[in-house]
N, C-alpha and C. Protein backbone atom coordinates (compact mmCIF):
# COMPACT_ATOMS: atom_id res chain seq x y z
N MET A 1 182.45 200.58 19.08
CA MET A 1 183.75 200.70 19.70
C MET A 1 184.07 199.41 20.45
N LEU A 2 185.27 198.98 20.37
CA LEU A 2 185.66 197.76 21.04
C LEU A 2 186.09 197.97 22.47
N ASP A 3 186.47 199.18 22.82
CA ASP A 3 187.10 199.40 24.12
C ASP A 3 186.08 199.72 25.20
N THR A 4 186.57 199.98 26.39
CA THR A 4 185.71 200.25 27.54
C THR A 4 185.01 201.59 27.43
N GLN A 5 185.45 202.47 26.54
CA GLN A 5 184.82 203.78 26.40
C GLN A 5 183.36 203.66 25.96
N PHE A 6 183.01 202.60 25.24
CA PHE A 6 181.64 202.44 24.77
C PHE A 6 180.66 202.58 25.93
N GLY A 7 180.90 201.89 27.01
CA GLY A 7 179.99 201.94 28.15
C GLY A 7 180.04 203.23 28.92
N GLU A 8 181.23 203.75 29.17
CA GLU A 8 181.37 204.97 29.96
C GLU A 8 180.75 206.17 29.24
N ILE A 9 181.02 206.31 27.97
CA ILE A 9 180.46 207.42 27.20
C ILE A 9 178.95 207.26 27.10
N LEU A 10 178.49 206.06 26.82
CA LEU A 10 177.05 205.79 26.72
C LEU A 10 176.35 206.13 28.03
N LYS A 11 176.89 205.66 29.14
CA LYS A 11 176.26 205.92 30.43
C LYS A 11 176.21 207.42 30.73
N HIS A 12 177.29 208.12 30.47
CA HIS A 12 177.33 209.57 30.68
C HIS A 12 176.26 210.26 29.84
N ASN A 13 176.16 209.89 28.57
CA ASN A 13 175.19 210.52 27.68
C ASN A 13 173.75 210.20 28.10
N LEU A 14 173.49 208.97 28.51
CA LEU A 14 172.14 208.61 28.96
C LEU A 14 171.75 209.40 30.20
N MET A 15 172.66 209.52 31.15
CA MET A 15 172.37 210.28 32.36
C MET A 15 172.13 211.75 32.03
N PHE A 16 172.94 212.32 31.14
CA PHE A 16 172.77 213.71 30.73
C PHE A 16 171.40 213.94 30.10
N LEU A 17 171.02 213.06 29.18
CA LEU A 17 169.72 213.20 28.51
C LEU A 17 168.57 213.09 29.50
N ARG A 18 168.63 212.11 30.40
CA ARG A 18 167.54 211.94 31.37
C ARG A 18 167.48 213.11 32.35
N ASP A 19 168.64 213.60 32.79
CA ASP A 19 168.67 214.71 33.75
C ASP A 19 168.13 216.00 33.15
N ASN A 20 168.24 216.16 31.84
CA ASN A 20 167.84 217.40 31.18
C ASN A 20 166.53 217.29 30.40
N ALA A 21 165.85 216.17 30.50
CA ALA A 21 164.59 215.99 29.79
C ALA A 21 163.46 216.68 30.55
N ALA A 22 162.48 217.19 29.82
CA ALA A 22 161.34 217.86 30.44
C ALA A 22 160.40 216.86 31.10
N GLY A 23 160.42 215.61 30.66
CA GLY A 23 159.54 214.58 31.20
C GLY A 23 160.19 213.22 31.05
N PRO A 24 159.40 212.16 31.21
CA PRO A 24 159.95 210.81 31.04
C PRO A 24 160.58 210.65 29.65
N LEU A 25 161.66 209.93 29.60
CA LEU A 25 162.40 209.80 28.36
C LEU A 25 162.76 208.34 28.13
N SER A 26 162.42 207.82 26.96
CA SER A 26 162.79 206.46 26.58
C SER A 26 163.94 206.56 25.59
N ILE A 27 165.03 205.86 25.88
CA ILE A 27 166.24 205.96 25.06
C ILE A 27 166.59 204.59 24.51
N THR A 28 166.89 204.53 23.22
CA THR A 28 167.38 203.31 22.61
C THR A 28 168.70 203.60 21.92
N THR A 29 169.54 202.60 21.83
CA THR A 29 170.78 202.74 21.08
C THR A 29 170.61 202.02 19.75
N THR A 30 171.34 202.48 18.73
CA THR A 30 171.28 201.85 17.42
C THR A 30 172.61 201.18 17.14
N LEU A 31 172.56 199.90 16.80
CA LEU A 31 173.76 199.14 16.50
C LEU A 31 173.64 198.55 15.11
N THR A 32 174.75 198.30 14.48
CA THR A 32 174.77 197.63 13.19
C THR A 32 175.91 196.62 13.18
N ALA A 33 175.77 195.61 12.38
CA ALA A 33 176.83 194.60 12.27
C ALA A 33 177.94 195.05 11.34
N GLY A 34 177.73 196.09 10.59
CA GLY A 34 178.76 196.58 9.68
C GLY A 34 178.16 197.08 8.38
N TYR A 35 179.02 197.37 7.43
CA TYR A 35 178.59 198.02 6.20
C TYR A 35 178.96 197.27 4.94
N GLY A 36 179.44 196.08 5.04
CA GLY A 36 179.83 195.33 3.86
C GLY A 36 180.05 193.88 4.22
N ARG A 37 180.32 193.08 3.25
CA ARG A 37 180.50 191.66 3.49
C ARG A 37 181.94 191.26 3.77
N ASN A 38 182.90 192.16 3.61
CA ASN A 38 184.26 191.73 3.91
C ASN A 38 184.51 191.77 5.42
N GLN A 39 185.44 191.01 5.89
CA GLN A 39 185.70 190.84 7.32
C GLN A 39 186.08 192.15 8.00
N LEU A 40 186.71 193.08 7.30
CA LEU A 40 187.14 194.32 7.93
C LEU A 40 185.97 195.22 8.29
N ALA A 41 184.88 195.13 7.54
CA ALA A 41 183.75 196.03 7.77
C ALA A 41 182.64 195.40 8.60
N VAL A 42 182.68 194.12 8.83
CA VAL A 42 181.63 193.44 9.56
C VAL A 42 182.12 193.14 10.98
N LYS A 43 181.36 193.59 11.97
CA LYS A 43 181.72 193.37 13.36
C LYS A 43 181.55 191.90 13.73
N PRO A 44 182.41 191.40 14.62
CA PRO A 44 182.22 190.04 15.11
C PRO A 44 180.88 189.93 15.84
N ALA A 45 180.22 188.81 15.73
CA ALA A 45 178.93 188.61 16.39
C ALA A 45 179.05 188.80 17.90
N LYS A 46 180.16 188.36 18.49
CA LYS A 46 180.36 188.52 19.93
C LYS A 46 180.35 190.00 20.33
N LEU A 47 180.86 190.86 19.46
CA LEU A 47 180.86 192.29 19.76
C LEU A 47 179.45 192.85 19.78
N ILE A 48 178.60 192.40 18.86
CA ILE A 48 177.20 192.83 18.85
C ILE A 48 176.53 192.44 20.17
N LYS A 49 176.75 191.20 20.61
CA LYS A 49 176.17 190.74 21.89
C LYS A 49 176.66 191.62 23.03
N LEU A 50 177.96 191.88 23.07
CA LEU A 50 178.55 192.69 24.13
C LEU A 50 177.96 194.09 24.12
N GLN A 51 177.82 194.70 22.95
CA GLN A 51 177.29 196.06 22.87
C GLN A 51 175.81 196.13 23.24
N ILE A 52 175.05 195.12 22.88
CA ILE A 52 173.64 195.08 23.29
C ILE A 52 173.55 195.03 24.81
N LEU A 53 174.30 194.11 25.41
CA LEU A 53 174.25 193.96 26.86
C LEU A 53 174.76 195.20 27.58
N LYS A 54 175.83 195.81 27.06
CA LYS A 54 176.35 197.02 27.69
C LYS A 54 175.34 198.16 27.59
N SER A 55 174.67 198.27 26.45
CA SER A 55 173.68 199.34 26.29
C SER A 55 172.58 199.23 27.34
N ILE A 56 172.02 198.04 27.51
CA ILE A 56 170.95 197.85 28.49
C ILE A 56 171.50 197.99 29.91
N ALA A 57 172.65 197.39 30.19
CA ALA A 57 173.23 197.45 31.53
C ALA A 57 173.60 198.87 31.94
N HIS A 58 173.85 199.74 30.98
CA HIS A 58 174.19 201.13 31.29
C HIS A 58 173.00 202.06 31.17
N GLY A 59 171.80 201.51 31.02
CA GLY A 59 170.61 202.34 31.16
C GLY A 59 169.76 202.59 29.93
N ALA A 60 170.11 202.05 28.78
CA ALA A 60 169.25 202.22 27.60
C ALA A 60 167.96 201.44 27.81
N ASN A 61 166.87 201.95 27.24
CA ASN A 61 165.58 201.27 27.36
C ASN A 61 165.38 200.22 26.29
N GLY A 62 166.20 200.23 25.26
CA GLY A 62 166.05 199.26 24.18
C GLY A 62 167.17 199.40 23.17
N ILE A 63 167.12 198.55 22.16
CA ILE A 63 168.15 198.51 21.12
C ILE A 63 167.46 198.51 19.77
N ASN A 64 168.00 199.27 18.84
CA ASN A 64 167.61 199.19 17.43
C ASN A 64 168.76 198.51 16.70
N ILE A 65 168.47 197.53 15.89
CA ILE A 65 169.50 196.91 15.05
C ILE A 65 169.28 197.42 13.63
N TRP A 66 170.27 198.11 13.13
CA TRP A 66 170.20 198.63 11.77
C TRP A 66 170.71 197.54 10.84
N HIS A 67 169.79 196.94 10.12
CA HIS A 67 170.15 195.84 9.23
C HIS A 67 170.72 196.42 7.94
N TRP A 68 171.94 196.08 7.65
CA TRP A 68 172.62 196.59 6.46
C TRP A 68 173.11 195.42 5.64
N ALA A 69 172.31 194.38 5.56
CA ALA A 69 172.62 193.17 4.79
C ALA A 69 173.91 192.49 5.26
N THR A 70 174.31 192.80 6.47
CA THR A 70 175.53 192.17 6.99
C THR A 70 175.25 191.17 8.09
N LEU A 71 174.04 191.14 8.59
CA LEU A 71 173.71 190.18 9.64
C LEU A 71 173.63 188.78 9.03
N ASP A 72 174.22 187.82 9.73
CA ASP A 72 174.10 186.43 9.31
C ASP A 72 173.72 185.60 10.54
N GLY A 73 173.74 184.31 10.42
CA GLY A 73 173.33 183.44 11.51
C GLY A 73 174.08 183.69 12.81
N ARG A 74 175.36 183.98 12.71
CA ARG A 74 176.16 184.26 13.92
C ARG A 74 175.62 185.49 14.65
N HIS A 75 175.27 186.53 13.89
CA HIS A 75 174.76 187.75 14.50
C HIS A 75 173.38 187.53 15.10
N TYR A 76 172.51 186.80 14.38
CA TYR A 76 171.18 186.53 14.92
C TYR A 76 171.29 185.71 16.21
N GLN A 77 172.21 184.76 16.27
CA GLN A 77 172.41 183.98 17.49
C GLN A 77 172.91 184.87 18.62
N ALA A 78 173.82 185.78 18.33
CA ALA A 78 174.34 186.70 19.35
C ALA A 78 173.23 187.61 19.88
N ILE A 79 172.35 188.08 18.99
CA ILE A 79 171.21 188.91 19.40
C ILE A 79 170.29 188.09 20.30
N ALA A 80 170.04 186.83 19.92
CA ALA A 80 169.18 185.95 20.74
C ALA A 80 169.81 185.70 22.10
N ASP A 81 171.11 185.46 22.14
CA ASP A 81 171.81 185.21 23.42
C ASP A 81 171.72 186.43 24.33
N ALA A 82 171.92 187.62 23.76
CA ALA A 82 171.83 188.85 24.55
C ALA A 82 170.41 189.05 25.06
N THR A 83 169.43 188.81 24.22
CA THR A 83 168.03 188.99 24.60
C THR A 83 167.65 188.04 25.72
N LEU A 84 168.12 186.80 25.65
CA LEU A 84 167.84 185.82 26.69
C LEU A 84 168.40 186.28 28.04
N LEU A 85 169.61 186.80 28.04
CA LEU A 85 170.24 187.27 29.27
C LEU A 85 169.52 188.51 29.81
N ILE A 86 169.13 189.42 28.93
CA ILE A 86 168.39 190.61 29.36
C ILE A 86 167.06 190.20 29.99
N ALA A 87 166.37 189.26 29.37
CA ALA A 87 165.09 188.80 29.90
C ALA A 87 165.26 188.19 31.29
N LYS A 88 166.33 187.43 31.49
CA LYS A 88 166.58 186.79 32.78
C LYS A 88 166.69 187.82 33.90
N PHE A 89 167.28 188.99 33.60
CA PHE A 89 167.54 190.00 34.62
C PHE A 89 166.72 191.28 34.40
N GLU A 90 165.63 191.15 33.65
CA GLU A 90 164.81 192.32 33.29
C GLU A 90 164.32 193.10 34.51
N LYS A 91 163.95 192.41 35.56
CA LYS A 91 163.42 193.10 36.74
C LYS A 91 164.46 194.03 37.38
N PHE A 92 165.71 193.69 37.25
CA PHE A 92 166.75 194.59 37.77
C PHE A 92 166.78 195.88 36.95
N PHE A 93 166.64 195.76 35.63
CA PHE A 93 166.70 196.94 34.76
C PHE A 93 165.44 197.80 34.86
N THR A 94 164.29 197.16 35.09
CA THR A 94 163.04 197.91 35.09
C THR A 94 162.61 198.38 36.48
N ALA A 95 162.96 197.63 37.52
CA ALA A 95 162.51 197.99 38.87
C ALA A 95 163.66 198.14 39.85
N GLY A 96 164.89 197.92 39.40
CA GLY A 96 166.05 198.03 40.27
C GLY A 96 166.72 199.38 40.15
N LYS A 97 167.89 199.47 40.74
CA LYS A 97 168.66 200.72 40.75
C LYS A 97 170.09 200.43 40.32
N SER A 98 170.62 201.28 39.46
CA SER A 98 172.02 201.14 39.05
C SER A 98 172.91 201.28 40.27
N ASP A 99 173.93 200.42 40.37
CA ASP A 99 174.73 200.36 41.60
C ASP A 99 176.20 200.07 41.29
N ASP A 100 176.72 200.67 40.23
CA ASP A 100 178.10 200.40 39.81
C ASP A 100 179.12 200.68 40.90
N GLY A 101 178.87 201.70 41.73
CA GLY A 101 179.83 202.10 42.75
C GLY A 101 180.05 201.09 43.85
N SER A 102 179.18 200.11 43.98
CA SER A 102 179.33 199.12 45.06
C SER A 102 180.34 198.02 44.70
N VAL A 103 180.82 198.04 43.46
CA VAL A 103 181.69 196.98 42.98
C VAL A 103 183.06 197.55 42.60
N VAL A 104 184.11 196.87 43.05
CA VAL A 104 185.47 197.24 42.67
C VAL A 104 186.11 196.03 42.02
N LEU A 105 186.68 196.22 40.83
CA LEU A 105 187.37 195.14 40.13
C LEU A 105 188.85 195.45 40.08
N SER A 106 189.68 194.43 40.24
CA SER A 106 191.11 194.60 40.02
C SER A 106 191.53 193.63 38.92
N GLY A 107 192.59 193.99 38.22
CA GLY A 107 192.98 193.25 37.03
C GLY A 107 192.10 193.70 35.88
N VAL A 108 191.90 195.01 35.77
CA VAL A 108 190.84 195.56 34.91
C VAL A 108 191.29 196.01 33.52
N ASP A 109 192.40 195.57 33.04
CA ASP A 109 192.80 195.90 31.68
C ASP A 109 191.77 195.34 30.71
N SER A 110 191.16 196.19 29.90
CA SER A 110 190.14 195.80 28.91
C SER A 110 188.88 195.24 29.54
N ILE A 111 188.59 195.64 30.76
CA ILE A 111 187.41 195.16 31.49
C ILE A 111 186.58 196.35 31.95
N SER A 112 185.26 196.20 31.90
CA SER A 112 184.36 197.19 32.52
C SER A 112 183.23 196.41 33.18
N HIS A 113 182.39 197.11 33.92
CA HIS A 113 181.30 196.42 34.60
C HIS A 113 180.09 197.34 34.74
N ALA A 114 178.97 196.72 35.04
CA ALA A 114 177.75 197.43 35.42
C ALA A 114 177.10 196.60 36.51
N ALA A 115 176.48 197.26 37.48
CA ALA A 115 175.82 196.54 38.58
C ALA A 115 174.44 197.16 38.82
N TRP A 116 173.50 196.29 39.15
CA TRP A 116 172.14 196.70 39.48
C TRP A 116 171.74 196.00 40.78
N VAL A 117 170.92 196.66 41.59
CA VAL A 117 170.46 196.06 42.84
C VAL A 117 168.94 196.15 42.91
N LYS A 118 168.36 195.07 43.43
CA LYS A 118 166.91 195.02 43.67
C LYS A 118 166.67 194.04 44.81
N ASN A 119 165.98 194.49 45.85
CA ASN A 119 165.62 193.63 46.99
C ASN A 119 166.82 192.88 47.57
N ASP A 120 167.89 193.58 47.86
CA ASP A 120 169.09 193.01 48.49
C ASP A 120 169.88 192.06 47.62
N VAL A 121 169.56 191.97 46.35
CA VAL A 121 170.33 191.14 45.43
C VAL A 121 170.93 192.04 44.36
N ARG A 122 172.22 191.82 44.08
CA ARG A 122 172.91 192.55 43.03
C ARG A 122 173.19 191.64 41.86
N VAL A 123 173.03 192.18 40.67
CA VAL A 123 173.51 191.48 39.49
C VAL A 123 174.67 192.32 38.96
N ILE A 124 175.77 191.66 38.69
CA ILE A 124 176.98 192.34 38.23
C ILE A 124 177.37 191.76 36.89
N PHE A 125 177.51 192.62 35.91
CA PHE A 125 177.93 192.23 34.58
C PHE A 125 179.37 192.67 34.41
N VAL A 126 180.25 191.75 34.08
CA VAL A 126 181.67 192.06 33.86
C VAL A 126 181.95 191.82 32.38
N PHE A 127 182.36 192.87 31.68
CA PHE A 127 182.56 192.83 30.23
C PHE A 127 184.04 192.77 29.90
N ASN A 128 184.42 191.83 29.04
CA ASN A 128 185.80 191.74 28.55
C ASN A 128 185.83 192.29 27.13
N HIS A 129 186.54 193.39 26.93
CA HIS A 129 186.60 194.06 25.63
C HIS A 129 187.74 193.55 24.74
N ASP A 130 188.57 192.70 25.29
CA ASP A 130 189.69 192.17 24.52
C ASP A 130 189.19 191.10 23.57
N PRO A 131 189.40 191.27 22.26
CA PRO A 131 188.87 190.31 21.30
C PRO A 131 189.64 188.99 21.25
N ASP A 132 190.79 188.93 21.90
CA ASP A 132 191.64 187.74 21.76
C ASP A 132 191.95 186.99 23.05
N ASN A 133 191.81 187.64 24.21
CA ASN A 133 192.32 187.04 25.44
C ASN A 133 191.29 186.93 26.55
N LEU A 134 191.27 185.79 27.21
CA LEU A 134 190.52 185.60 28.43
C LEU A 134 191.12 186.52 29.48
N LYS A 135 190.27 187.14 30.32
CA LYS A 135 190.76 188.02 31.38
C LYS A 135 190.32 187.48 32.72
N THR A 136 191.20 187.57 33.71
CA THR A 136 190.89 187.17 35.07
C THR A 136 190.86 188.42 35.93
N VAL A 137 189.77 188.57 36.68
CA VAL A 137 189.61 189.75 37.52
C VAL A 137 189.19 189.32 38.92
N THR A 138 189.48 190.17 39.89
CA THR A 138 189.06 189.95 41.27
C THR A 138 187.96 190.96 41.58
N LEU A 139 186.88 190.47 42.12
CA LEU A 139 185.73 191.29 42.45
C LEU A 139 185.69 191.55 43.94
N LYS A 140 185.49 192.80 44.32
CA LYS A 140 185.29 193.14 45.72
C LYS A 140 184.07 194.05 45.81
N LEU A 141 183.29 193.85 46.86
CA LEU A 141 182.15 194.71 47.12
C LEU A 141 182.53 195.73 48.18
N ALA A 142 181.95 196.91 48.09
CA ALA A 142 182.17 197.92 49.13
C ALA A 142 181.79 197.29 50.47
N ALA A 143 182.57 197.58 51.51
CA ALA A 143 182.37 196.94 52.82
C ALA A 143 180.94 197.12 53.33
N SER A 144 180.32 198.25 53.03
CA SER A 144 178.96 198.50 53.51
C SER A 144 177.93 197.61 52.82
N GLN A 145 178.31 196.95 51.73
CA GLN A 145 177.38 196.12 50.97
C GLN A 145 177.44 194.65 51.35
N VAL A 146 178.36 194.29 52.25
CA VAL A 146 178.60 192.86 52.51
C VAL A 146 178.16 192.50 53.92
N ASN A 147 177.32 191.49 54.02
CA ASN A 147 176.99 190.86 55.28
C ASN A 147 177.50 189.43 55.16
N LYS A 148 178.66 189.15 55.74
CA LYS A 148 179.32 187.87 55.51
C LYS A 148 178.52 186.67 56.01
N ASP A 149 177.54 186.90 56.87
CA ASP A 149 176.75 185.78 57.37
C ASP A 149 175.77 185.24 56.35
N ASP A 150 175.30 186.11 55.43
CA ASP A 150 174.25 185.62 54.54
C ASP A 150 174.46 186.02 53.08
N VAL A 151 175.67 186.40 52.71
CA VAL A 151 175.91 186.81 51.34
C VAL A 151 176.60 185.70 50.56
N ALA A 152 176.11 185.46 49.37
CA ALA A 152 176.71 184.46 48.49
C ALA A 152 176.92 185.08 47.13
N ILE A 153 177.86 184.55 46.39
CA ILE A 153 178.07 184.99 45.01
C ILE A 153 177.82 183.79 44.11
N TRP A 154 176.87 183.93 43.23
CA TRP A 154 176.54 182.90 42.25
C TRP A 154 177.11 183.33 40.92
N ASP A 155 178.03 182.58 40.39
CA ASP A 155 178.61 182.84 39.08
C ASP A 155 177.65 182.26 38.05
N TYR A 156 176.75 183.10 37.57
CA TYR A 156 175.69 182.68 36.65
C TYR A 156 176.28 182.10 35.36
N THR A 157 177.39 182.67 34.92
CA THR A 157 177.99 182.24 33.68
C THR A 157 178.49 180.80 33.75
N ASN A 158 179.13 180.44 34.86
CA ASN A 158 179.70 179.10 35.01
C ASN A 158 178.89 178.20 35.94
N LYS A 159 177.73 178.68 36.39
CA LYS A 159 176.82 177.89 37.22
C LYS A 159 177.49 177.32 38.46
N ARG A 160 178.06 178.20 39.27
CA ARG A 160 178.72 177.74 40.49
C ARG A 160 178.75 178.87 41.51
N PHE A 161 178.79 178.50 42.80
CA PHE A 161 179.00 179.49 43.84
C PHE A 161 180.49 179.75 43.96
N ILE A 162 180.84 180.98 44.27
CA ILE A 162 182.24 181.32 44.53
C ILE A 162 182.32 182.02 45.88
N ASP A 163 183.46 181.91 46.51
CA ASP A 163 183.69 182.48 47.84
C ASP A 163 183.76 184.00 47.75
N ILE A 164 183.02 184.66 48.60
CA ILE A 164 183.00 186.12 48.56
C ILE A 164 184.37 186.71 48.91
N ASP A 165 185.15 185.98 49.69
CA ASP A 165 186.48 186.48 50.06
C ASP A 165 187.52 186.23 48.97
N ARG A 166 187.26 185.30 48.08
CA ARG A 166 188.19 184.98 47.00
C ARG A 166 187.43 184.96 45.67
N SER A 167 186.77 186.03 45.35
CA SER A 167 185.92 186.06 44.17
C SER A 167 186.73 186.45 42.93
N VAL A 168 187.46 185.48 42.43
CA VAL A 168 188.24 185.66 41.21
C VAL A 168 187.46 184.99 40.09
N ILE A 169 187.23 185.74 39.02
CA ILE A 169 186.45 185.19 37.90
C ILE A 169 187.23 185.37 36.60
N SER A 170 186.93 184.51 35.67
CA SER A 170 187.52 184.60 34.34
C SER A 170 186.42 184.96 33.36
N VAL A 171 186.75 185.88 32.45
CA VAL A 171 185.79 186.32 31.44
C VAL A 171 186.38 186.01 30.07
N PRO A 172 185.70 185.20 29.27
CA PRO A 172 186.22 184.85 27.95
C PRO A 172 186.42 186.09 27.07
N ALA A 173 187.24 185.95 26.06
CA ALA A 173 187.52 187.04 25.13
C ALA A 173 186.22 187.58 24.53
N LEU A 174 186.10 188.90 24.50
CA LEU A 174 184.96 189.59 23.91
C LEU A 174 183.63 189.00 24.38
N ASP A 175 183.53 188.84 25.72
CA ASP A 175 182.34 188.21 26.28
C ASP A 175 182.02 188.83 27.63
N ILE A 176 181.13 188.20 28.36
CA ILE A 176 180.61 188.73 29.61
C ILE A 176 180.55 187.63 30.66
N ALA A 177 180.74 188.01 31.91
CA ALA A 177 180.46 187.13 33.05
C ALA A 177 179.37 187.81 33.86
N VAL A 178 178.48 187.02 34.41
CA VAL A 178 177.37 187.55 35.20
C VAL A 178 177.43 186.95 36.59
N LEU A 179 177.35 187.82 37.60
CA LEU A 179 177.39 187.37 38.99
C LEU A 179 176.15 187.87 39.71
N LEU A 180 175.63 187.05 40.61
CA LEU A 180 174.55 187.45 41.50
C LEU A 180 175.12 187.48 42.91
N VAL A 181 174.85 188.55 43.64
CA VAL A 181 175.38 188.71 44.99
C VAL A 181 174.22 189.06 45.92
N GLY A 182 174.09 188.34 47.02
CA GLY A 182 173.04 188.62 47.98
C GLY A 182 172.83 187.46 48.91
N PRO A 183 171.75 187.51 49.68
CA PRO A 183 171.44 186.40 50.59
C PRO A 183 171.34 185.09 49.80
N GLY A 184 171.98 184.05 50.32
CA GLY A 184 172.04 182.77 49.62
C GLY A 184 170.69 182.22 49.21
N LYS A 185 169.68 182.37 50.08
CA LYS A 185 168.35 181.84 49.76
C LYS A 185 167.75 182.55 48.56
N LYS A 186 167.88 183.87 48.49
CA LYS A 186 167.33 184.63 47.37
C LYS A 186 168.05 184.26 46.08
N ILE A 187 169.37 184.09 46.16
CA ILE A 187 170.13 183.76 44.96
C ILE A 187 169.78 182.35 44.48
N SER A 188 169.63 181.42 45.40
CA SER A 188 169.28 180.06 45.02
C SER A 188 167.95 180.01 44.29
N ASN A 189 167.03 180.89 44.66
CA ASN A 189 165.73 180.94 43.99
C ASN A 189 165.81 181.54 42.59
N MET A 190 166.87 182.31 42.29
CA MET A 190 167.00 182.97 41.00
C MET A 190 167.73 182.15 39.97
N LYS A 191 168.59 181.28 40.39
CA LYS A 191 169.44 180.59 39.42
C LYS A 191 168.67 179.58 38.64
């Protein structure tokens, strides 16, 4: 699915399965690049990357890629790019806590997000579902999550600090922006 429902439905289903499981449960999502070689049936490589990242960011333990002879170099590169980003923030997914409610986005047409917190640092993934247009959004943290004396926002995607009071970010078409929020010293050590 190209729209924001992919993440919301996935997250709801993952929570339902975990809440109703008799014991520990490992969940993976299955993705495919498509079912044929024509452009209408083959998903854009950027969409595969976005869906992999959304699956992990919304709580899946892993990804299965169903190879249907449609993967090409673009798709393999997208899988590698997603894997690299997941590895960078793996500790948030494995030892952190989901924290979507601490983040409010405005300008959210075709945008969704996921947030994780570990040791006073948040990683926020902002997903742009629009296949054609760059989106600009404003990020705000819940007031209880902000200590203005020692909080910094590191825009991991563009390698720059941004002002917590004016945290406006741009997310390329069918792509992701990643932000780190927390004490400046901890964030400087992560980048």
